[in-house]
């Protein structure tokens, strides 16, 4: 293999994202071996030039670089159980928690592999398109990342965030958590206008403009959190915003809309104001969220 020859690699998991990754690497000239628990889902990639391995162990043995994109962390353990990981470079792009990534890194290292965890900030159609804005957070082995940086950058932009294997997942979930909060606000806003003469398509550009104008507030929040001073250059204090809570709730009631998407945030506002922090910026509400003794997560309903 010459210095300009794309490196061969293995992809475990050919769901929507795994298939997009494999196709992008194949299009760039990489020799790709794939495996999927349900073999029929991997077959379409054969037409693009992929080699379909009969087992995960065979797929792992085929190439040094092994990319895993499965349902969850237990699926990773199950797929790799019995595979010889000695000398392999394992890049785990399976969605999981920071704790999952750290445990899996220890697990892989004990089996002779280098480990890199990744958080994909994209949907499948964005993969392999340089102008799409897709990128992946990576954390773990710096040596692995440096060696395979070119191959990894073929499918999406790369951002290495540290040697702690859990940092990629942490960045991933932090950004997605902010996104979910935004989506919650969008849904509440559209619900308020249901049954009125305002068409959703007329509200949409106003929402995009408004939220875009508000997003840079993240920089000021970061500065206040780093300094610990929540009272400097406050434009909209906790007390001022808490005073508006009744209007939010009454409006929802008048429009026949449940306030459940807003209540957690509004409750934090009122608690922070009641605790004597009314003159502060809302950045201080982080203090209410960070728990010294975390409570167990509530059980989610099984559907």
C-alpha atoms as a PDB file:
ATOM      1  CA  UNK A   1       0.000   0.000   0.000  1.00  0.00           C
ATOM      2  CA  UNK A   2       1.452   3.362  -1.028  1.00  0.00           C
ATOM      3  CA  UNK A   3       1.202   6.542   0.997  1.00  0.00           C
ATOM      4  CA  UNK A   4      -1.626   7.740  -1.266  1.00  0.00           C
ATOM      5  CA  UNK A   5      -3.639   4.514  -1.221  1.00  0.00           C
ATOM      6  CA  UNK A   6      -6.766   4.821   0.961  1.00  0.00           C
ATOM      7  CA  UNK A   7      -6.473   2.518   3.956  1.00  0.00           C
ATOM      8  CA  UNK A   8      -8.753  -0.531   4.156  1.00  0.00           C
ATOM      9  CA  UNK A   9     -11.231  -0.654   6.999  1.00  0.00           C
ATOM     10  CA  UNK A  10     -14.104  -2.568   8.537  1.00  0.00           C
ATOM     11  CA  UNK A  11     -17.557  -1.254   9.392  1.00  0.00           C
ATOM     12  CA  UNK A  12     -19.655  -3.161  11.923  1.00  0.00           C
ATOM     13  CA  UNK A  13     -23.322  -2.231  11.636  1.00  0.00           C
ATOM     14  CA  UNK A  14     -25.108  -1.309   8.429  1.00  0.00           C
ATOM     15  CA  UNK A  15     -28.100   0.584   9.677  1.00  0.00           C
ATOM     16  CA  UNK A  16     -28.823   3.985   8.131  1.00  0.00           C
ATOM     17  CA  UNK A  17     -25.696   5.632   9.558  1.00  0.00           C
ATOM     18  CA  UNK A  18     -23.381   2.639   9.142  1.00  0.00           C
ATOM     19  CA  UNK A  19     -24.460   2.278   5.516  1.00  0.00           C
ATOM     20  CA  UNK A  20     -23.861   5.977   4.862  1.00  0.00           C
ATOM     21  CA  UNK A  21     -20.385   5.726   6.377  1.00  0.00           C
ATOM     22  CA  UNK A  22     -19.491   2.605   4.402  1.00  0.00           C
ATOM     23  CA  UNK A  23     -20.710   4.109   1.133  1.00  0.00           C
ATOM     24  CA  UNK A  24     -18.726   7.294   1.697  1.00  0.00           C
ATOM     25  CA  UNK A  25     -15.534   5.330   2.320  1.00  0.00           C
ATOM     26  CA  UNK A  26     -16.162   3.107  -0.701  1.00  0.00           C
ATOM     27  CA  UNK A  27     -16.744   6.163  -2.889  1.00  0.00           C
ATOM     28  CA  UNK A  28     -13.406   7.547  -1.724  1.00  0.00           C
ATOM     29  CA  UNK A  29     -11.604   4.392  -2.786  1.00  0.00           C
ATOM     30  CA  UNK A  30     -11.263   2.572   0.522  1.00  0.00           C
ATOM     31  CA  UNK A  31     -11.527  -1.208   0.586  1.00  0.00           C
ATOM     32  CA  UNK A  32     -14.378  -1.804   3.037  1.00  0.00           C
ATOM     33  CA  UNK A  33     -15.439  -4.977   4.815  1.00  0.00           C
ATOM     34  CA  UNK A  34     -18.879  -4.847   6.438  1.00  0.00           C
ATOM     35  CA  UNK A  35     -20.864  -6.956   8.848  1.00  0.00           C
ATOM     36  CA  UNK A  36     -24.398  -6.702  10.160  1.00  0.00           C
ATOM     37  CA  UNK A  37     -26.298  -8.940  12.544  1.00  0.00           C
ATOM     38  CA  UNK A  38     -29.028  -9.234   9.913  1.00  0.00           C
ATOM     39  CA  UNK A  39     -26.949 -10.116   6.829  1.00  0.00           C
ATOM     40  CA  UNK A  40     -29.577  -9.013   4.302  1.00  0.00           C
ATOM     41  CA  UNK A  41     -29.191  -5.411   5.431  1.00  0.00           C
ATOM     42  CA  UNK A  42     -25.533  -5.454   4.440  1.00  0.00           C
ATOM     43  CA  UNK A  43     -26.090  -6.964   0.983  1.00  0.00           C
ATOM     44  CA  UNK A  44     -26.834  -3.677  -0.860  1.00  0.00           C
ATOM     45  CA  UNK A  45     -23.290  -2.526  -0.039  1.00  0.00           C
ATOM     46  CA  UNK A  46     -21.833  -5.426  -2.000  1.00  0.00           C
ATOM     47  CA  UNK A  47     -22.997  -3.716  -5.192  1.00  0.00           C
ATOM     48  CA  UNK A  48     -20.843  -0.744  -4.203  1.00  0.00           C
ATOM     49  CA  UNK A  49     -17.804  -2.959  -3.757  1.00  0.00           C
ATOM     50  CA  UNK A  50     -17.940  -3.877  -0.051  1.00  0.00           C
ATOM     51  CA  UNK A  51     -16.924  -7.317   1.154  1.00  0.00           C
ATOM     52  CA  UNK A  52     -19.559  -8.835   3.429  1.00  0.00           C
ATOM     53  CA  UNK A  53     -18.062 -10.798   6.297  1.00  0.00           C
ATOM     54  CA  UNK A  54     -19.950 -13.837   7.622  1.00  0.00           C
ATOM     55  CA  UNK A  55     -19.311 -12.875  11.239  1.00  0.00           C
ATOM     56  CA  UNK A  56     -18.215  -9.887  13.285  1.00  0.00           C
ATOM     57  CA  UNK A  57     -15.033 -11.757  14.237  1.00  0.00           C
ATOM     58  CA  UNK A  58     -14.209 -12.277  10.554  1.00  0.00           C
ATOM     59  CA  UNK A  59     -14.864  -8.611   9.834  1.00  0.00           C
ATOM     60  CA  UNK A  60     -12.565  -7.548  12.668  1.00  0.00           C
ATOM     61  CA  UNK A  61      -9.790  -9.852  11.467  1.00  0.00           C
ATOM     62  CA  UNK A  62      -9.993  -8.406   7.952  1.00  0.00           C
ATOM     63  CA  UNK A  63      -8.604  -4.962   8.761  1.00  0.00           C
ATOM     64  CA  UNK A  64      -6.675  -3.107  11.416  1.00  0.00           C
ATOM     65  CA  UNK A  65      -9.085  -0.155  11.449  1.00  0.00           C
ATOM     66  CA  UNK A  66     -12.501  -1.229  12.729  1.00  0.00           C
ATOM     67  CA  UNK A  67     -15.393   1.243  12.890  1.00  0.00           C
ATOM     68  CA  UNK A  68     -18.385   0.247  14.997  1.00  0.00           C
ATOM     69  CA  UNK A  69     -21.801   1.847  14.462  1.00  0.00           C
ATOM     70  CA  UNK A  70     -24.409  -0.229  16.264  1.00  0.00           C
ATOM     71  CA  UNK A  71     -27.599   0.335  18.247  1.00  0.00           C
ATOM     72  CA  UNK A  72     -26.120   0.772  21.719  1.00  0.00           C
ATOM     73  CA  UNK A  73     -23.198  -0.164  23.957  1.00  0.00           C
ATOM     74  CA  UNK A  74     -24.517  -3.669  24.845  1.00  0.00           C
ATOM     75  CA  UNK A  75     -24.744  -4.349  21.107  1.00  0.00           C
ATOM     76  CA  UNK A  76     -21.064  -3.448  20.779  1.00  0.00           C
ATOM     77  CA  UNK A  77     -20.099  -5.910  23.499  1.00  0.00           C
ATOM     78  CA  UNK A  78     -22.253  -8.640  21.977  1.00  0.00           C
ATOM     79  CA  UNK A  79     -20.887  -8.109  18.460  1.00  0.00           C
ATOM     80  CA  UNK A  80     -17.250  -8.115  19.551  1.00  0.00           C
ATOM     81  CA  UNK A  81     -17.550 -10.974  21.995  1.00  0.00           C
ATOM     82  CA  UNK A  82     -15.070 -13.590  20.842  1.00  0.00           C
ATOM     83  CA  UNK A  83     -13.384 -11.339  18.269  1.00  0.00           C
ATOM     84  CA  UNK A  84      -9.599 -11.029  18.492  1.00  0.00           C
ATOM     85  CA  UNK A  85      -8.924  -7.335  19.037  1.00  0.00           C
ATOM     86  CA  UNK A  86      -5.168  -7.641  19.388  1.00  0.00           C
ATOM     87  CA  UNK A  87      -3.502  -4.897  17.366  1.00  0.00           C
ATOM     88  CA  UNK A  88      -6.811  -3.465  16.183  1.00  0.00           C
ATOM     89  CA  UNK A  89      -7.747   0.222  16.114  1.00  0.00           C
ATOM     90  CA  UNK A  90     -11.329   0.374  17.331  1.00  0.00           C
ATOM     91  CA  UNK A  91     -13.359   3.500  16.525  1.00  0.00           C
ATOM     92  CA  UNK A  92     -16.733   3.364  18.243  1.00  0.00           C
ATOM     93  CA  UNK A  93     -19.365   5.606  16.660  1.00  0.00           C
ATOM     94  CA  UNK A  94     -22.223   4.015  18.575  1.00  0.00           C
ATOM     95  CA  UNK A  95     -24.333   6.486  20.538  1.00  0.00           C
ATOM     96  CA  UNK A  96     -23.751   6.106  24.268  1.00  0.00           C
ATOM     97  CA  UNK A  97     -22.895   7.895  27.487  1.00  0.00           C
ATOM     98  CA  UNK A  98     -19.495   9.154  28.627  1.00  0.00           C
ATOM     99  CA  UNK A  99     -19.448   6.289  31.135  1.00  0.00           C
ATOM    100  CA  UNK A 100     -20.146   3.789  28.348  1.00  0.00           C
ATOM    101  CA  UNK A 101     -17.208   5.153  26.373  1.00  0.00           C
ATOM    102  CA  UNK A 102     -14.790   5.003  29.303  1.00  0.00           C
ATOM    103  CA  UNK A 103     -15.800   1.460  30.206  1.00  0.00           C
ATOM    104  CA  UNK A 104     -15.586   0.354  26.577  1.00  0.00           C
ATOM    105  CA  UNK A 105     -12.141   1.955  26.257  1.00  0.00           C
ATOM    106  CA  UNK A 106     -10.888  -0.039  29.260  1.00  0.00           C
ATOM    107  CA  UNK A 107     -12.508  -3.152  27.822  1.00  0.00           C
ATOM    108  CA  UNK A 108     -10.858  -2.682  24.426  1.00  0.00           C
ATOM    109  CA  UNK A 109      -7.455  -1.816  25.861  1.00  0.00           C
ATOM    110  CA  UNK A 110      -7.506  -4.952  27.995  1.00  0.00           C
ATOM    111  CA  UNK A 111      -8.026  -6.914  24.765  1.00  0.00           C
ATOM    112  CA  UNK A 112      -5.060  -5.371  23.004  1.00  0.00           C
ATOM    113  CA  UNK A 113      -6.799  -2.665  20.958  1.00  0.00           C
ATOM    114  CA  UNK A 114      -6.419   1.086  20.751  1.00  0.00           C
ATOM    115  CA  UNK A 115      -9.743   2.860  21.252  1.00  0.00           C
ATOM    116  CA  UNK A 116     -11.366   6.029  19.985  1.00  0.00           C
ATOM    117  CA  UNK A 117     -14.932   7.047  20.757  1.00  0.00           C
ATOM    118  CA  UNK A 118     -16.967   9.283  18.491  1.00  0.00           C
ATOM    119  CA  UNK A 119     -20.117  11.380  18.573  1.00  0.00           C
ATOM    120  CA  UNK A 120     -21.606  11.990  15.118  1.00  0.00           C
ATOM    121  CA  UNK A 121     -23.094  15.452  14.664  1.00  0.00           C
ATOM    122  CA  UNK A 122     -24.992  14.661  11.483  1.00  0.00           C
ATOM    123  CA  UNK A 123     -27.801  12.648   9.967  1.00  0.00           C
ATOM    124  CA  UNK A 124     -27.021   9.958   7.340  1.00  0.00           C
ATOM    125  CA  UNK A 125     -27.684  12.095   4.216  1.00  0.00           C
ATOM    126  CA  UNK A 126     -24.974  14.536   5.369  1.00  0.00           C
ATOM    127  CA  UNK A 127     -22.252  11.877   5.495  1.00  0.00           C
ATOM    128  CA  UNK A 128     -19.651  12.007   2.723  1.00  0.00           C
ATOM    129  CA  UNK A 129     -20.592  15.527   1.610  1.00  0.00           C
ATOM    130  CA  UNK A 130     -17.888  18.052   2.593  1.00  0.00           C
ATOM    131  CA  UNK A 131     -20.221  21.043   2.362  1.00  0.00           C
ATOM    132  CA  UNK A 132     -22.974  19.518   4.532  1.00  0.00           C
ATOM    133  CA  UNK A 133     -21.492  20.687   7.831  1.00  0.00           C
ATOM    134  CA  UNK A 134     -21.294  17.136   9.202  1.00  0.00           C
ATOM    135  CA  UNK A 135     -18.591  16.454  11.752  1.00  0.00           C
ATOM    136  CA  UNK A 136     -17.689  13.957  14.442  1.00  0.00           C
ATOM    137  CA  UNK A 137     -16.345  14.540  17.946  1.00  0.00           C
ATOM    138  CA  UNK A 138     -13.532  12.110  18.779  1.00  0.00           C
ATOM    139  CA  UNK A 139     -11.895  11.297  22.104  1.00  0.00           C
ATOM    140  CA  UNK A 140      -9.551   8.618  23.354  1.00  0.00           C
ATOM    141  CA  UNK A 141      -6.274   7.487  21.810  1.00  0.00           C
ATOM    142  CA  UNK A 142      -4.538  10.511  20.288  1.00  0.00           C
ATOM    143  CA  UNK A 143      -2.174   8.212  18.421  1.00  0.00           C
ATOM    144  CA  UNK A 144      -5.059   6.350  16.803  1.00  0.00           C
ATOM    145  CA  UNK A 145      -6.745   9.607  15.813  1.00  0.00           C
ATOM    146  CA  UNK A 146      -3.560  11.066  14.313  1.00  0.00           C
ATOM    147  CA  UNK A 147      -2.832   7.906  12.328  1.00  0.00           C
ATOM    148  CA  UNK A 148      -6.326   7.574  10.863  1.00  0.00           C
ATOM    149  CA  UNK A 149      -7.289  11.247  10.710  1.00  0.00           C
ATOM    150  CA  UNK A 150      -7.355  11.310   6.902  1.00  0.00           C
ATOM    151  CA  UNK A 151      -9.613   8.272   6.616  1.00  0.00           C
ATOM    152  CA  UNK A 152     -11.952   9.553   9.325  1.00  0.00           C
ATOM    153  CA  UNK A 153     -12.160  12.980   7.669  1.00  0.00           C
ATOM    154  CA  UNK A 154     -13.311  11.349   4.417  1.00  0.00           C
ATOM    155  CA  UNK A 155     -16.839  10.848   5.756  1.00  0.00           C
ATOM    156  CA  UNK A 156     -17.229  13.963   7.935  1.00  0.00           C
ATOM    157  CA  UNK A 157     -15.244  16.715   9.583  1.00  0.00           C
ATOM    158  CA  UNK A 158     -13.260  15.725  12.643  1.00  0.00           C
ATOM    159  CA  UNK A 159     -12.887  17.428  16.015  1.00  0.00           C
ATOM    160  CA  UNK A 160     -10.629  15.749  18.567  1.00  0.00           C
ATOM    161  CA  UNK A 161     -11.636  16.821  22.085  1.00  0.00           C
ATOM    162  CA  UNK A 162      -9.225  14.959  24.353  1.00  0.00           C
ATOM    163  CA  UNK A 163      -7.720  11.742  25.622  1.00  0.00           C
ATOM    164  CA  UNK A 164     -10.570  11.082  28.059  1.00  0.00           C
ATOM    165  CA  UNK A 165     -12.677   8.601  26.035  1.00  0.00           C
ATOM    166  CA  UNK A 166     -15.893  10.031  27.497  1.00  0.00           C
ATOM    167  CA  UNK A 167     -15.460  13.552  26.149  1.00  0.00           C
ATOM    168  CA  UNK A 168     -16.829  12.890  22.657  1.00  0.00           C
ATOM    169  CA  UNK A 169     -20.074  11.473  24.041  1.00  0.00           C
ATOM    170  CA  UNK A 170     -20.279  14.317  26.542  1.00  0.00           C
ATOM    171  CA  UNK A 171     -19.945  16.941  23.789  1.00  0.00           C
ATOM    172  CA  UNK A 172     -22.445  15.043  21.653  1.00  0.00           C
ATOM    173  CA  UNK A 173     -25.089  14.869  24.380  1.00  0.00           C
ATOM    174  CA  UNK A 174     -24.476  18.474  25.485  1.00  0.00           C
ATOM    175  CA  UNK A 175     -25.167  19.792  21.985  1.00  0.00           C
ATOM    176  CA  UNK A 176     -28.132  17.485  21.450  1.00  0.00           C
ATOM    177  CA  UNK A 177     -29.566  18.488  24.830  1.00  0.00           C
ATOM    178  CA  UNK A 178     -29.484  22.137  23.765  1.00  0.00           C
ATOM    179  CA  UNK A 179     -31.102  21.147  20.481  1.00  0.00           C
ATOM    180  CA  UNK A 180     -33.879  19.284  22.280  1.00  0.00           C
ATOM    181  CA  UNK A 181     -34.557  22.300  24.462  1.00  0.00           C
ATOM    182  CA  UNK A 182     -34.871  24.432  21.335  1.00  0.00           C
ATOM    183  CA  UNK A 183     -37.219  21.923  19.722  1.00  0.00           C
ATOM    184  CA  UNK A 184     -39.349  21.937  22.872  1.00  0.00           C
ATOM    185  CA  UNK A 185     -39.686  25.706  22.589  1.00  0.00           C
ATOM    186  CA  UNK A 186     -40.523  25.462  18.890  1.00  0.00           C
ATOM    187  CA  UNK A 187     -43.299  22.964  19.534  1.00  0.00           C
ATOM    188  CA  UNK A 188     -44.770  25.097  22.321  1.00  0.00           C
ATOM    189  CA  UNK A 189     -44.676  28.173  20.094  1.00  0.00           C
ATOM    190  CA  UNK A 190     -46.485  26.423  17.251  1.00  0.00           C
ATOM    191  CA  UNK A 191     -49.019  24.942  19.677  1.00  0.00           C
ATOM    192  CA  UNK A 192     -49.905  28.400  20.992  1.00  0.00           C
ATOM    193  CA  UNK A 193     -50.971  29.489  17.520  1.00  0.00           C
ATOM    194  CA  UNK A 194     -53.055  26.394  16.764  1.00  0.00           C
ATOM    195  CA  UNK A 195     -56.608  27.462  15.936  1.00  0.00           C
ATOM    196  CA  UNK A 196     -55.662  31.064  15.143  1.00  0.00           C
ATOM    197  CA  UNK A 197     -55.362  32.836  11.802  1.00  0.00           C
ATOM    198  CA  UNK A 198     -51.551  32.679  11.977  1.00  0.00           C
ATOM    199  CA  UNK A 199     -50.238  29.951   9.666  1.00  0.00           C
ATOM    200  CA  UNK A 200     -47.282  27.873  10.913  1.00  0.00           C
ATOM    201  CA  UNK A 201     -45.331  28.776   7.760  1.00  0.00           C
ATOM    202  CA  UNK A 202     -45.722  32.458   8.648  1.00  0.00           C
ATOM    203  CA  UNK A 203     -44.379  31.936  12.168  1.00  0.00           C
ATOM    204  CA  UNK A 204     -41.433  29.766  11.081  1.00  0.00           C
ATOM    205  CA  UNK A 205     -39.202  32.524   9.618  1.00  0.00           C
ATOM    206  CA  UNK A 206     -39.823  34.701  12.667  1.00  0.00           C
ATOM    207  CA  UNK A 207     -38.768  31.829  14.935  1.00  0.00           C
ATOM    208  CA  UNK A 208     -35.632  31.198  12.899  1.00  0.00           C
ATOM    209  CA  UNK A 209     -34.676  34.866  12.989  1.00  0.00           C
ATOM    210  CA  UNK A 210     -35.386  35.246  16.708  1.00  0.00           C
ATOM    211  CA  UNK A 211     -33.605  32.088  17.810  1.00  0.00           C
ATOM    212  CA  UNK A 212     -30.636  32.919  15.590  1.00  0.00           C
ATOM    213  CA  UNK A 213     -30.375  36.309  17.271  1.00  0.00           C
ATOM    214  CA  UNK A 214     -30.527  34.723  20.736  1.00  0.00           C
ATOM    215  CA  UNK A 215     -28.007  31.913  20.134  1.00  0.00           C
ATOM    216  CA  UNK A 216     -24.861  34.071  20.646  1.00  0.00           C
ATOM    217  CA  UNK A 217     -25.941  34.481  24.274  1.00  0.00           C
ATOM    218  CA  UNK A 218     -24.093  31.190  24.793  1.00  0.00           C
ATOM    219  CA  UNK A 219     -20.807  33.130  24.708  1.00  0.00           C
ATOM    220  CA  UNK A 220     -21.863  35.479  27.511  1.00  0.00           C
ATOM    221  CA  UNK A 221     -23.187  32.539  29.528  1.00  0.00           C
ATOM    222  CA  UNK A 222     -19.856  30.751  29.156  1.00  0.00           C
ATOM    223  CA  UNK A 223     -17.950  33.846  30.300  1.00  0.00           C
ATOM    224  CA  UNK A 224     -20.139  34.235  33.385  1.00  0.00           C
ATOM    225  CA  UNK A 225     -19.840  30.559  34.278  1.00  0.00           C
ATOM    226  CA  UNK A 226     -16.054  30.716  34.015  1.00  0.00           C
ATOM    227  CA  UNK A 227     -15.791  33.905  36.072  1.00  0.00           C
ATOM    228  CA  UNK A 228     -18.443  32.935  38.617  1.00  0.00           C
ATOM    229  CA  UNK A 229     -19.839  36.484  38.402  1.00  0.00           C
ATOM    230  CA  UNK A 230     -23.497  36.319  37.391  1.00  0.00           C
ATOM    231  CA  UNK A 231     -24.201  40.017  38.018  1.00  0.00           C
ATOM    232  CA  UNK A 232     -22.006  41.704  35.399  1.00  0.00           C
ATOM    233  CA  UNK A 233     -23.696  43.414  32.444  1.00  0.00           C
ATOM    234  CA  UNK A 234     -27.041  41.719  33.072  1.00  0.00           C
ATOM    235  CA  UNK A 235     -29.570  42.544  30.367  1.00  0.00           C
ATOM    236  CA  UNK A 236     -32.481  40.389  31.481  1.00  0.00           C
ATOM    237  CA  UNK A 237     -32.281  39.328  35.102  1.00  0.00           C
ATOM    238  CA  UNK A 238     -33.668  36.215  36.721  1.00  0.00           C
ATOM    239  CA  UNK A 239     -36.119  38.368  38.669  1.00  0.00           C
ATOM    240  CA  UNK A 240     -37.359  40.109  35.546  1.00  0.00           C
ATOM    241  CA  UNK A 241     -37.863  36.848  33.715  1.00  0.00           C
ATOM    242  CA  UNK A 242     -39.483  35.158  36.716  1.00  0.00           C
ATOM    243  CA  UNK A 243     -41.992  38.013  36.863  1.00  0.00           C
ATOM    244  CA  UNK A 244     -43.122  37.067  33.372  1.00  0.00           C
ATOM    245  CA  UNK A 245     -43.830  33.436  34.246  1.00  0.00           C
ATOM    246  CA  UNK A 246     -47.536  33.996  35.056  1.00  0.00           C
ATOM    247  CA  UNK A 247     -48.057  35.534  31.614  1.00  0.00           C
ATOM    248  CA  UNK A 248     -46.524  32.466  29.960  1.00  0.00           C
ATOM    249  CA  UNK A 249     -48.766  30.156  31.971  1.00  0.00           C
ATOM    250  CA  UNK A 250     -51.951  32.185  31.523  1.00  0.00           C
ATOM    251  CA  UNK A 251     -51.357  32.476  27.778  1.00  0.00           C
ATOM    252  CA  UNK A 252     -50.958  28.719  27.533  1.00  0.00           C
ATOM    253  CA  UNK A 253     -54.163  28.260  29.515  1.00  0.00           C
ATOM    254  CA  UNK A 254     -56.067  30.725  27.337  1.00  0.00           C
ATOM    255  CA  UNK A 255     -54.868  28.957  24.186  1.00  0.00           C
ATOM    256  CA  UNK A 256     -55.664  25.509  25.547  1.00  0.00           C
ATOM    257  CA  UNK A 257     -52.002  24.438  25.451  1.00  0.00           C
ATOM    258  CA  UNK A 258     -50.216  22.330  28.046  1.00  0.00           C
ATOM    259  CA  UNK A 259     -47.228  24.189  29.551  1.00  0.00           C
ATOM    260  CA  UNK A 260     -45.367  20.925  30.268  1.00  0.00           C
ATOM    261  CA  UNK A 261     -42.534  21.665  27.834  1.00  0.00           C
ATOM    262  CA  UNK A 262     -41.797  24.988  29.563  1.00  0.00           C
ATOM    263  CA  UNK A 263     -42.547  24.212  33.197  1.00  0.00           C
ATOM    264  CA  UNK A 264     -39.131  22.790  34.182  1.00  0.00           C
ATOM    265  CA  UNK A 265     -37.334  25.925  33.010  1.00  0.00           C
ATOM    266  CA  UNK A 266     -39.936  28.299  34.424  1.00  0.00           C
ATOM    267  CA  UNK A 267     -39.791  26.515  37.780  1.00  0.00           C
ATOM    268  CA  UNK A 268     -36.013  26.959  37.864  1.00  0.00           C
ATOM    269  CA  UNK A 269     -36.431  30.666  37.175  1.00  0.00           C
ATOM    270  CA  UNK A 270     -38.823  31.090  40.087  1.00  0.00           C
ATOM    271  CA  UNK A 271     -36.658  29.022  42.434  1.00  0.00           C
ATOM    272  CA  UNK A 272     -33.531  31.011  41.602  1.00  0.00           C
ATOM    273  CA  UNK A 273     -35.363  34.302  42.131  1.00  0.00           C
ATOM    274  CA  UNK A 274     -36.886  33.071  45.408  1.00  0.00           C
ATOM    275  CA  UNK A 275     -33.398  32.109  46.630  1.00  0.00           C
ATOM    276  CA  UNK A 276     -32.292  35.739  46.443  1.00  0.00           C
ATOM    277  CA  UNK A 277     -30.629  35.757  43.036  1.00  0.00           C
ATOM    278  CA  UNK A 278     -33.136  37.941  41.230  1.00  0.00           C
ATOM    279  CA  UNK A 279     -30.540  40.471  40.071  1.00  0.00           C
ATOM    280  CA  UNK A 280     -28.366  37.841  38.421  1.00  0.00           C
ATOM    281  CA  UNK A 281     -28.195  36.627  34.858  1.00  0.00           C
ATOM    282  CA  UNK A 282     -29.818  33.291  34.134  1.00  0.00           C
ATOM    283  CA  UNK A 283     -26.364  31.658  33.860  1.00  0.00           C
ATOM    284  CA  UNK A 284     -26.526  31.174  37.627  1.00  0.00           C
ATOM    285  CA  UNK A 285     -29.370  28.700  37.188  1.00  0.00           C
ATOM    286  CA  UNK A 286     -26.705  26.146  36.332  1.00  0.00           C
ATOM    287  CA  UNK A 287     -26.074  26.000  40.083  1.00  0.00           C
ATOM    288  CA  UNK A 288     -29.551  24.511  40.510  1.00  0.00           C
ATOM    289  CA  UNK A 289     -28.851  21.843  37.918  1.00  0.00           C
ATOM    290  CA  UNK A 290     -25.473  20.604  39.129  1.00  0.00           C
ATOM    291  CA  UNK A 291     -26.076  18.107  41.890  1.00  0.00           C
ATOM    292  CA  UNK A 292     -23.475  17.148  44.457  1.00  0.00           C
ATOM    293  CA  UNK A 293     -25.281  13.874  45.060  1.00  0.00           C
ATOM    294  CA  UNK A 294     -27.057  12.941  41.828  1.00  0.00           C
ATOM    295  CA  UNK A 295     -30.396  11.219  42.154  1.00  0.00           C
ATOM    296  CA  UNK A 296     -31.141   8.062  40.149  1.00  0.00           C
ATOM    297  CA  UNK A 297     -32.717   8.715  36.779  1.00  0.00           C
ATOM    298  CA  UNK A 298     -36.486   8.146  36.709  1.00  0.00           C
ATOM    299  CA  UNK A 299     -37.555   5.008  34.925  1.00  0.00           C
ATOM    300  CA  UNK A 300     -38.773   5.671  31.394  1.00  0.00           C
ATOM    301  CA  UNK A 301     -41.957   3.903  30.274  1.00  0.00           C
ATOM    302  CA  UNK A 302     -41.422   0.839  28.139  1.00  0.00           C
ATOM    303  CA  UNK A 303     -43.369   0.981  24.895  1.00  0.00           C
END
